[in-house]
Every structure is written in C-alpha cells, then in structure tokens.
Amino acid sequence: KKAIKKERKKKKKAKKKKAQKKKEAKKNKKAKKK
C-alpha cells in the first residue's frame, strides 16, 4: 500500500508538472500568436 501510494504521488506530481509545462507552453504560444 505504501509503495503504491508513493508511486501514485510521484505520478501525480509528474502529471502536475507536465500539465503546468503544457499550460505555460500554451500561454506562450497564445501570447506569440496574439
């Protein structure tokens, strides 16, 4: 259970980082387009 929880937390953090990066990239693209 502990190992699974740790792995899930890591995955969530990685997903959040990816999502943030994607959002930033999208924002930058939108700004450039504007």
ModelCIF file with pLDDT and N, C-alpha, C, O atoms, coordinates in Angstrom:
data_MODEL
#
_entry.id   MODEL 
#
_entity.id                         1 
_entity.type                       polymer 
_entity.pdbx_number_of_molecules   1 
#
_entity_poly.entity_id                      1 
_entity_poly.type                           'polypeptide(L)' 
_entity_poly.nstd_linkage                   no 
_entity_poly.nstd_monomer                   no 
_entity_poly.pdbx_seq_one_letter_code       KKAIKKERKKKKKAKKKKAQKKKEAKKNKKAKKK 
_entity_poly.pdbx_seq_one_letter_code_can   KKAIKKERKKKKKAKKKKAQKKKEAKKNKKAKKK 
_entity_poly.pdbx_strand_id                 A 
#
loop_
_entity_poly_seq.entity_id 
_entity_poly_seq.num 
_entity_poly_seq.mon_id 
_entity_poly_seq.hetero 
1 1  LYS n 
1 2  LYS n 
1 3  ALA n 
1 4  ILE n 
1 5  LYS n 
1 6  LYS n 
1 7  GLU n 
1 8  ARG n 
1 9  LYS n 
1 10 LYS n 
1 11 LYS n 
1 12 LYS n 
1 13 LYS n 
1 14 ALA n 
1 15 LYS n 
1 16 LYS n 
1 17 LYS n 
1 18 LYS n 
1 19 ALA n 
1 20 GLN n 
1 21 LYS n 
1 22 LYS n 
1 23 LYS n 
1 24 GLU n 
1 25 ALA n 
1 26 LYS n 
1 27 LYS n 
1 28 ASN n 
1 29 LYS n 
1 30 LYS n 
1 31 ALA n 
1 32 LYS n 
1 33 LYS n 
1 34 LYS n 
#
_struct_asym.id          A 
_struct_asym.entity_id   1 
#
loop_
_ma_qa_metric.id 
_ma_qa_metric.mode 
_ma_qa_metric.name 
_ma_qa_metric.software_group_id 
_ma_qa_metric.type 
1 global pLDDT . pLDDT 
2 local  pLDDT . pLDDT 
#
_ma_qa_metric_global.metric_id      1 
_ma_qa_metric_global.metric_value   85.24 
_ma_qa_metric_global.model_id       1 
_ma_qa_metric_global.ordinal_id     1 
#
loop_
_ma_qa_metric_local.label_asym_id 
_ma_qa_metric_local.label_comp_id 
_ma_qa_metric_local.label_seq_id 
_ma_qa_metric_local.metric_id 
_ma_qa_metric_local.metric_value 
_ma_qa_metric_local.model_id 
_ma_qa_metric_local.ordinal_id 
A LYS 1  2 68.00 1 1  
A LYS 2  2 78.00 1 2  
A ALA 3  2 77.00 1 3  
A ILE 4  2 74.00 1 4  
A LYS 5  2 79.00 1 5  
A LYS 6  2 83.00 1 6  
A GLU 7  2 81.00 1 7  
A ARG 8  2 80.00 1 8  
A LYS 9  2 85.00 1 9  
A LYS 10 2 86.00 1 10 
A LYS 11 2 83.00 1 11 
A LYS 12 2 85.00 1 12 
A LYS 13 2 87.00 1 13 
A ALA 14 2 88.00 1 14 
A LYS 15 2 86.00 1 15 
A LYS 16 2 87.00 1 16 
A LYS 17 2 88.00 1 17 
A LYS 18 2 88.00 1 18 
A ALA 19 2 89.00 1 19 
A GLN 20 2 89.00 1 20 
A LYS 21 2 89.00 1 21 
A LYS 22 2 88.00 1 22 
A LYS 23 2 88.00 1 23 
A GLU 24 2 89.00 1 24 
A ALA 25 2 90.00 1 25 
A LYS 26 2 87.00 1 26 
A LYS 27 2 88.00 1 27 
A ASN 28 2 90.00 1 28 
A LYS 29 2 88.00 1 29 
A LYS 30 2 87.00 1 30 
A ALA 31 2 89.00 1 31 
A LYS 32 2 88.00 1 32 
A LYS 33 2 88.00 1 33 
A LYS 34 2 88.00 1 34 
#
loop_
_atom_site.group_PDB 
_atom_site.id 
_atom_site.type_symbol 
_atom_site.label_atom_id 
_atom_site.label_alt_id 
_atom_site.label_comp_id 
_atom_site.label_asym_id 
_atom_site.label_entity_id 
_atom_site.label_seq_id 
_atom_site.pdbx_PDB_ins_code 
_atom_site.Cartn_x 
_atom_site.Cartn_y 
_atom_site.Cartn_z 
_atom_site.occupancy 
_atom_site.B_iso_or_equiv 
_atom_site.pdbx_formal_charge 
_atom_site.auth_seq_id 
_atom_site.auth_comp_id 
_atom_site.auth_asym_id 
_atom_site.auth_atom_id 
_atom_site.pdbx_PDB_model_num 
ATOM 1   N N  . LYS A 1 1  ? 0.830  -1.211 0.000   1.00 68.00 ? 1  LYS A N  1 
ATOM 2   C CA . LYS A 1 1  ? 0.000  0.000  0.000   1.00 68.00 ? 1  LYS A CA 1 
ATOM 3   C C  . LYS A 1 1  ? 0.862  1.257  0.000   1.00 68.00 ? 1  LYS A C  1 
ATOM 4   O O  . LYS A 1 1  ? 0.630  2.189  -0.770  1.00 68.00 ? 1  LYS A O  1 
ATOM 5   N N  . LYS A 1 2  ? 1.884  1.264  0.900   1.00 78.00 ? 2  LYS A N  1 
ATOM 6   C CA . LYS A 1 2  ? 2.785  2.407  0.997   1.00 78.00 ? 2  LYS A CA 1 
ATOM 7   C C  . LYS A 1 2  ? 3.516  2.653  -0.321  1.00 78.00 ? 2  LYS A C  1 
ATOM 8   O O  . LYS A 1 2  ? 3.608  3.781  -0.805  1.00 78.00 ? 2  LYS A O  1 
ATOM 9   N N  . ALA A 1 3  ? 4.032  1.563  -0.883  1.00 77.00 ? 3  ALA A N  1 
ATOM 10  C CA . ALA A 1 3  ? 4.757  1.671  -2.159  1.00 77.00 ? 3  ALA A CA 1 
ATOM 11  C C  . ALA A 1 3  ? 3.854  2.191  -3.268  1.00 77.00 ? 3  ALA A C  1 
ATOM 12  O O  . ALA A 1 3  ? 4.252  3.033  -4.073  1.00 77.00 ? 3  ALA A O  1 
ATOM 13  N N  . ILE A 1 4  ? 2.626  1.671  -3.294  1.00 74.00 ? 4  ILE A N  1 
ATOM 14  C CA . ILE A 1 4  ? 1.659  2.112  -4.310  1.00 74.00 ? 4  ILE A CA 1 
ATOM 15  C C  . ILE A 1 4  ? 1.313  3.587  -4.128  1.00 74.00 ? 4  ILE A C  1 
ATOM 16  O O  . ILE A 1 4  ? 1.227  4.336  -5.102  1.00 74.00 ? 4  ILE A O  1 
ATOM 17  N N  . LYS A 1 5  ? 1.113  4.006  -2.857  1.00 79.00 ? 5  LYS A N  1 
ATOM 18  C CA . LYS A 1 5  ? 0.813  5.407  -2.568  1.00 79.00 ? 5  LYS A CA 1 
ATOM 19  C C  . LYS A 1 5  ? 1.934  6.329  -3.019  1.00 79.00 ? 5  LYS A C  1 
ATOM 20  O O  . LYS A 1 5  ? 1.693  7.375  -3.622  1.00 79.00 ? 5  LYS A O  1 
ATOM 21  N N  . LYS A 1 6  ? 3.193  5.917  -2.711  1.00 83.00 ? 6  LYS A N  1 
ATOM 22  C CA . LYS A 1 6  ? 4.357  6.698  -3.129  1.00 83.00 ? 6  LYS A CA 1 
ATOM 23  C C  . LYS A 1 6  ? 4.417  6.840  -4.640  1.00 83.00 ? 6  LYS A C  1 
ATOM 24  O O  . LYS A 1 6  ? 4.636  7.925  -5.178  1.00 83.00 ? 6  LYS A O  1 
ATOM 25  N N  . GLU A 1 7  ? 4.218  5.715  -5.303  1.00 81.00 ? 7  GLU A N  1 
ATOM 26  C CA . GLU A 1 7  ? 4.245  5.713  -6.764  1.00 81.00 ? 7  GLU A CA 1 
ATOM 27  C C  . GLU A 1 7  ? 3.144  6.611  -7.339  1.00 81.00 ? 7  GLU A C  1 
ATOM 28  O O  . GLU A 1 7  ? 3.363  7.348  -8.300  1.00 81.00 ? 7  GLU A O  1 
ATOM 29  N N  . ARG A 1 8  ? 1.954  6.532  -6.730  1.00 80.00 ? 8  ARG A N  1 
ATOM 30  C CA . ARG A 1 8  ? 0.836  7.366  -7.174  1.00 80.00 ? 8  ARG A CA 1 
ATOM 31  C C  . ARG A 1 8  ? 1.132  8.851  -6.972  1.00 80.00 ? 8  ARG A C  1 
ATOM 32  O O  . ARG A 1 8  ? 0.835  9.677  -7.835  1.00 80.00 ? 8  ARG A O  1 
ATOM 33  N N  . LYS A 1 9  ? 1.736  9.187  -5.792  1.00 85.00 ? 9  LYS A N  1 
ATOM 34  C CA . LYS A 1 9  ? 2.103  10.571 -5.506  1.00 85.00 ? 9  LYS A CA 1 
ATOM 35  C C  . LYS A 1 9  ? 3.103  11.099 -6.530  1.00 85.00 ? 9  LYS A C  1 
ATOM 36  O O  . LYS A 1 9  ? 2.977  12.213 -7.037  1.00 85.00 ? 9  LYS A O  1 
ATOM 37  N N  . LYS A 1 10 ? 4.115  10.250 -6.821  1.00 86.00 ? 10 LYS A N  1 
ATOM 38  C CA . LYS A 1 10 ? 5.121  10.622 -7.814  1.00 86.00 ? 10 LYS A CA 1 
ATOM 39  C C  . LYS A 1 10 ? 4.486  10.860 -9.182  1.00 86.00 ? 10 LYS A C  1 
ATOM 40  O O  . LYS A 1 10 ? 4.795  11.827 -9.877  1.00 86.00 ? 10 LYS A O  1 
ATOM 41  N N  . LYS A 1 11 ? 3.598  9.954  -9.539  1.00 83.00 ? 11 LYS A N  1 
ATOM 42  C CA . LYS A 1 11 ? 2.902  10.079 -10.824 1.00 83.00 ? 11 LYS A CA 1 
ATOM 43  C C  . LYS A 1 11 ? 2.064  11.347 -10.875 1.00 83.00 ? 11 LYS A C  1 
ATOM 44  O O  . LYS A 1 11 ? 2.046  12.053 -11.882 1.00 83.00 ? 11 LYS A O  1 
ATOM 45  N N  . LYS A 1 12 ? 1.356  11.632 -9.753  1.00 85.00 ? 12 LYS A N  1 
ATOM 46  C CA . LYS A 1 12 ? 0.542  12.845 -9.683  1.00 85.00 ? 12 LYS A CA 1 
ATOM 47  C C  . LYS A 1 12 ? 1.390  14.100 -9.829  1.00 85.00 ? 12 LYS A C  1 
ATOM 48  O O  . LYS A 1 12 ? 1.030  15.030 -10.552 1.00 85.00 ? 12 LYS A O  1 
ATOM 49  N N  . LYS A 1 13 ? 2.554  14.113 -9.113  1.00 87.00 ? 13 LYS A N  1 
ATOM 50  C CA . LYS A 1 13 ? 3.465  15.253 -9.206  1.00 87.00 ? 13 LYS A CA 1 
ATOM 51  C C  . LYS A 1 13 ? 3.973  15.429 -10.632 1.00 87.00 ? 13 LYS A C  1 
ATOM 52  O O  . LYS A 1 13 ? 4.005  16.535 -11.172 1.00 87.00 ? 13 LYS A O  1 
ATOM 53  N N  . ALA A 1 14 ? 4.372  14.294 -11.227 1.00 88.00 ? 14 ALA A N  1 
ATOM 54  C CA . ALA A 1 14 ? 4.858  14.335 -12.614 1.00 88.00 ? 14 ALA A CA 1 
ATOM 55  C C  . ALA A 1 14 ? 3.785  14.842 -13.561 1.00 88.00 ? 14 ALA A C  1 
ATOM 56  O O  . ALA A 1 14 ? 4.055  15.631 -14.466 1.00 88.00 ? 14 ALA A O  1 
ATOM 57  N N  . LYS A 1 15 ? 2.539  14.367 -13.332 1.00 86.00 ? 15 LYS A N  1 
ATOM 58  C CA . LYS A 1 15 ? 1.422  14.814 -14.168 1.00 86.00 ? 15 LYS A CA 1 
ATOM 59  C C  . LYS A 1 15 ? 1.171  16.304 -14.007 1.00 86.00 ? 15 LYS A C  1 
ATOM 60  O O  . LYS A 1 15 ? 0.938  17.022 -14.980 1.00 86.00 ? 15 LYS A O  1 
ATOM 61  N N  . LYS A 1 16 ? 1.226  16.764 -12.729 1.00 87.00 ? 16 LYS A N  1 
ATOM 62  C CA . LYS A 1 16 ? 1.021  18.181 -12.459 1.00 87.00 ? 16 LYS A CA 1 
ATOM 63  C C  . LYS A 1 16 ? 2.081  19.036 -13.145 1.00 87.00 ? 16 LYS A C  1 
ATOM 64  O O  . LYS A 1 16 ? 1.776  20.070 -13.740 1.00 87.00 ? 16 LYS A O  1 
ATOM 65  N N  . LYS A 1 17 ? 3.365  18.576 -13.049 1.00 88.00 ? 17 LYS A N  1 
ATOM 66  C CA . LYS A 1 17 ? 4.455  19.290 -13.701 1.00 88.00 ? 17 LYS A CA 1 
ATOM 67  C C  . LYS A 1 17 ? 4.252  19.357 -15.212 1.00 88.00 ? 17 LYS A C  1 
ATOM 68  O O  . LYS A 1 17 ? 4.428  20.401 -15.841 1.00 88.00 ? 17 LYS A O  1 
ATOM 69  N N  . LYS A 1 18 ? 3.880  18.216 -15.767 1.00 88.00 ? 18 LYS A N  1 
ATOM 70  C CA . LYS A 1 18 ? 3.612  18.157 -17.208 1.00 88.00 ? 18 LYS A CA 1 
ATOM 71  C C  . LYS A 1 18 ? 2.474  19.085 -17.594 1.00 88.00 ? 18 LYS A C  1 
ATOM 72  O O  . LYS A 1 18 ? 2.540  19.812 -18.585 1.00 88.00 ? 18 LYS A O  1 
ATOM 73  N N  . ALA A 1 19 ? 1.414  19.037 -16.769 1.00 89.00 ? 19 ALA A N  1 
ATOM 74  C CA . ALA A 1 19 ? 0.254  19.901 -17.038 1.00 89.00 ? 19 ALA A CA 1 
ATOM 75  C C  . ALA A 1 19 ? 0.628  21.376 -16.961 1.00 89.00 ? 19 ALA A C  1 
ATOM 76  O O  . ALA A 1 19 ? 0.199  22.178 -17.791 1.00 89.00 ? 19 ALA A O  1 
ATOM 77  N N  . GLN A 1 20 ? 1.451  21.736 -15.933 1.00 89.00 ? 20 GLN A N  1 
ATOM 78  C CA . GLN A 1 20 ? 1.907  23.112 -15.800 1.00 89.00 ? 20 GLN A CA 1 
ATOM 79  C C  . GLN A 1 20 ? 2.742  23.555 -16.992 1.00 89.00 ? 20 GLN A C  1 
ATOM 80  O O  . GLN A 1 20 ? 2.566  24.645 -17.535 1.00 89.00 ? 20 GLN A O  1 
ATOM 81  N N  . LYS A 1 21 ? 3.667  22.665 -17.385 1.00 89.00 ? 21 LYS A N  1 
ATOM 82  C CA . LYS A 1 21 ? 4.504  22.955 -18.547 1.00 89.00 ? 21 LYS A CA 1 
ATOM 83  C C  . LYS A 1 21 ? 3.665  23.148 -19.805 1.00 89.00 ? 21 LYS A C  1 
ATOM 84  O O  . LYS A 1 21 ? 3.909  24.052 -20.605 1.00 89.00 ? 21 LYS A O  1 
ATOM 85  N N  . LYS A 1 22 ? 2.681  22.285 -19.957 1.00 88.00 ? 22 LYS A N  1 
ATOM 86  C CA . LYS A 1 22 ? 1.782  22.387 -21.112 1.00 88.00 ? 22 LYS A CA 1 
ATOM 87  C C  . LYS A 1 22 ? 1.019  23.699 -21.099 1.00 88.00 ? 22 LYS A C  1 
ATOM 88  O O  . LYS A 1 22 ? 0.880  24.368 -22.123 1.00 88.00 ? 22 LYS A O  1 
ATOM 89  N N  . LYS A 1 23 ? 0.515  24.062 -19.882 1.00 88.00 ? 23 LYS A N  1 
ATOM 90  C CA . LYS A 1 23 ? -0.217 25.321 -19.745 1.00 88.00 ? 23 LYS A CA 1 
ATOM 91  C C  . LYS A 1 23 ? 0.662  26.517 -20.096 1.00 88.00 ? 23 LYS A C  1 
ATOM 92  O O  . LYS A 1 23 ? 0.251  27.425 -20.817 1.00 88.00 ? 23 LYS A O  1 
ATOM 93  N N  . GLU A 1 24 ? 1.918  26.491 -19.550 1.00 89.00 ? 24 GLU A N  1 
ATOM 94  C CA . GLU A 1 24 ? 2.854  27.568 -19.846 1.00 89.00 ? 24 GLU A CA 1 
ATOM 95  C C  . GLU A 1 24 ? 3.167  27.647 -21.339 1.00 89.00 ? 24 GLU A C  1 
ATOM 96  O O  . GLU A 1 24 ? 3.205  28.723 -21.935 1.00 89.00 ? 24 GLU A O  1 
ATOM 97  N N  . ALA A 1 25 ? 3.388  26.469 -21.918 1.00 90.00 ? 25 ALA A N  1 
ATOM 98  C CA . ALA A 1 25 ? 3.660  26.415 -23.355 1.00 90.00 ? 25 ALA A CA 1 
ATOM 99  C C  . ALA A 1 25 ? 2.492  26.969 -24.158 1.00 90.00 ? 25 ALA A C  1 
ATOM 100 O O  . ALA A 1 25 ? 2.682  27.711 -25.122 1.00 90.00 ? 25 ALA A O  1 
ATOM 101 N N  . LYS A 1 26 ? 1.262  26.593 -23.741 1.00 87.00 ? 26 LYS A N  1 
ATOM 102 C CA . LYS A 1 26 ? 0.059  27.084 -24.411 1.00 87.00 ? 26 LYS A CA 1 
ATOM 103 C C  . LYS A 1 26 ? -0.068 28.595 -24.286 1.00 87.00 ? 26 LYS A C  1 
ATOM 104 O O  . LYS A 1 26 ? -0.396 29.291 -25.247 1.00 87.00 ? 26 LYS A O  1 
ATOM 105 N N  . LYS A 1 27 ? 0.207  29.096 -23.051 1.00 88.00 ? 27 LYS A N  1 
ATOM 106 C CA . LYS A 1 27 ? 0.147  30.536 -22.816 1.00 88.00 ? 27 LYS A CA 1 
ATOM 107 C C  . LYS A 1 27 ? 1.149  31.278 -23.700 1.00 88.00 ? 27 LYS A C  1 
ATOM 108 O O  . LYS A 1 27 ? 0.827  32.288 -24.325 1.00 88.00 ? 27 LYS A O  1 
ATOM 109 N N  . ASN A 1 28 ? 2.391  30.738 -23.733 1.00 90.00 ? 28 ASN A N  1 
ATOM 110 C CA . ASN A 1 28 ? 3.430  31.353 -24.568 1.00 90.00 ? 28 ASN A CA 1 
ATOM 111 C C  . ASN A 1 28 ? 3.033  31.358 -26.039 1.00 90.00 ? 28 ASN A C  1 
ATOM 112 O O  . ASN A 1 28 ? 3.229  32.348 -26.745 1.00 90.00 ? 28 ASN A O  1 
ATOM 113 N N  . LYS A 1 29 ? 2.477  30.248 -26.488 1.00 88.00 ? 29 LYS A N  1 
ATOM 114 C CA . LYS A 1 29 ? 2.015  30.145 -27.875 1.00 88.00 ? 29 LYS A CA 1 
ATOM 115 C C  . LYS A 1 29 ? 0.924  31.158 -28.170 1.00 88.00 ? 29 LYS A C  1 
ATOM 116 O O  . LYS A 1 29 ? 0.925  31.822 -29.207 1.00 88.00 ? 29 LYS A O  1 
ATOM 117 N N  . LYS A 1 30 ? -0.029 31.260 -27.209 1.00 87.00 ? 30 LYS A N  1 
ATOM 118 C CA . LYS A 1 30 ? -1.122 32.210 -27.379 1.00 87.00 ? 30 LYS A CA 1 
ATOM 119 C C  . LYS A 1 30 ? -0.610 33.641 -27.440 1.00 87.00 ? 30 LYS A C  1 
ATOM 120 O O  . LYS A 1 30 ? -1.049 34.439 -28.267 1.00 87.00 ? 30 LYS A O  1 
ATOM 121 N N  . ALA A 1 31 ? 0.366  33.963 -26.510 1.00 89.00 ? 31 ALA A N  1 
ATOM 122 C CA . ALA A 1 31 ? 0.954  35.315 -26.491 1.00 89.00 ? 31 ALA A CA 1 
ATOM 123 C C  . ALA A 1 31 ? 1.664  35.623 -27.803 1.00 89.00 ? 31 ALA A C  1 
ATOM 124 O O  . ALA A 1 31 ? 1.528  36.715 -28.356 1.00 89.00 ? 31 ALA A O  1 
ATOM 125 N N  . LYS A 1 32 ? 2.429  34.640 -28.296 1.00 88.00 ? 32 LYS A N  1 
ATOM 126 C CA . LYS A 1 32 ? 3.130  34.808 -29.568 1.00 88.00 ? 32 LYS A CA 1 
ATOM 127 C C  . LYS A 1 32 ? 2.151  35.009 -30.723 1.00 88.00 ? 32 LYS A C  1 
ATOM 128 O O  . LYS A 1 32 ? 2.346  35.853 -31.598 1.00 88.00 ? 32 LYS A O  1 
ATOM 129 N N  . LYS A 1 33 ? 1.103  34.211 -30.692 1.00 88.00 ? 33 LYS A N  1 
ATOM 130 C CA . LYS A 1 33 ? 0.075  34.318 -31.737 1.00 88.00 ? 33 LYS A CA 1 
ATOM 131 C C  . LYS A 1 33 ? -0.592 35.686 -31.713 1.00 88.00 ? 33 LYS A C  1 
ATOM 132 O O  . LYS A 1 33 ? -0.833 36.295 -32.756 1.00 88.00 ? 33 LYS A O  1 
ATOM 133 N N  . LYS A 1 34 ? -0.896 36.172 -30.470 1.00 88.00 ? 34 LYS A N  1 
ATOM 134 C CA . LYS A 1 34 ? -1.523 37.483 -30.323 1.00 88.00 ? 34 LYS A CA 1 
ATOM 135 C C  . LYS A 1 34 ? -0.628 38.585 -30.881 1.00 88.00 ? 34 LYS A C  1 
ATOM 136 O O  . LYS A 1 34 ? -0.996 39.759 -30.841 1.00 88.00 ? 34 LYS A O  1 
#
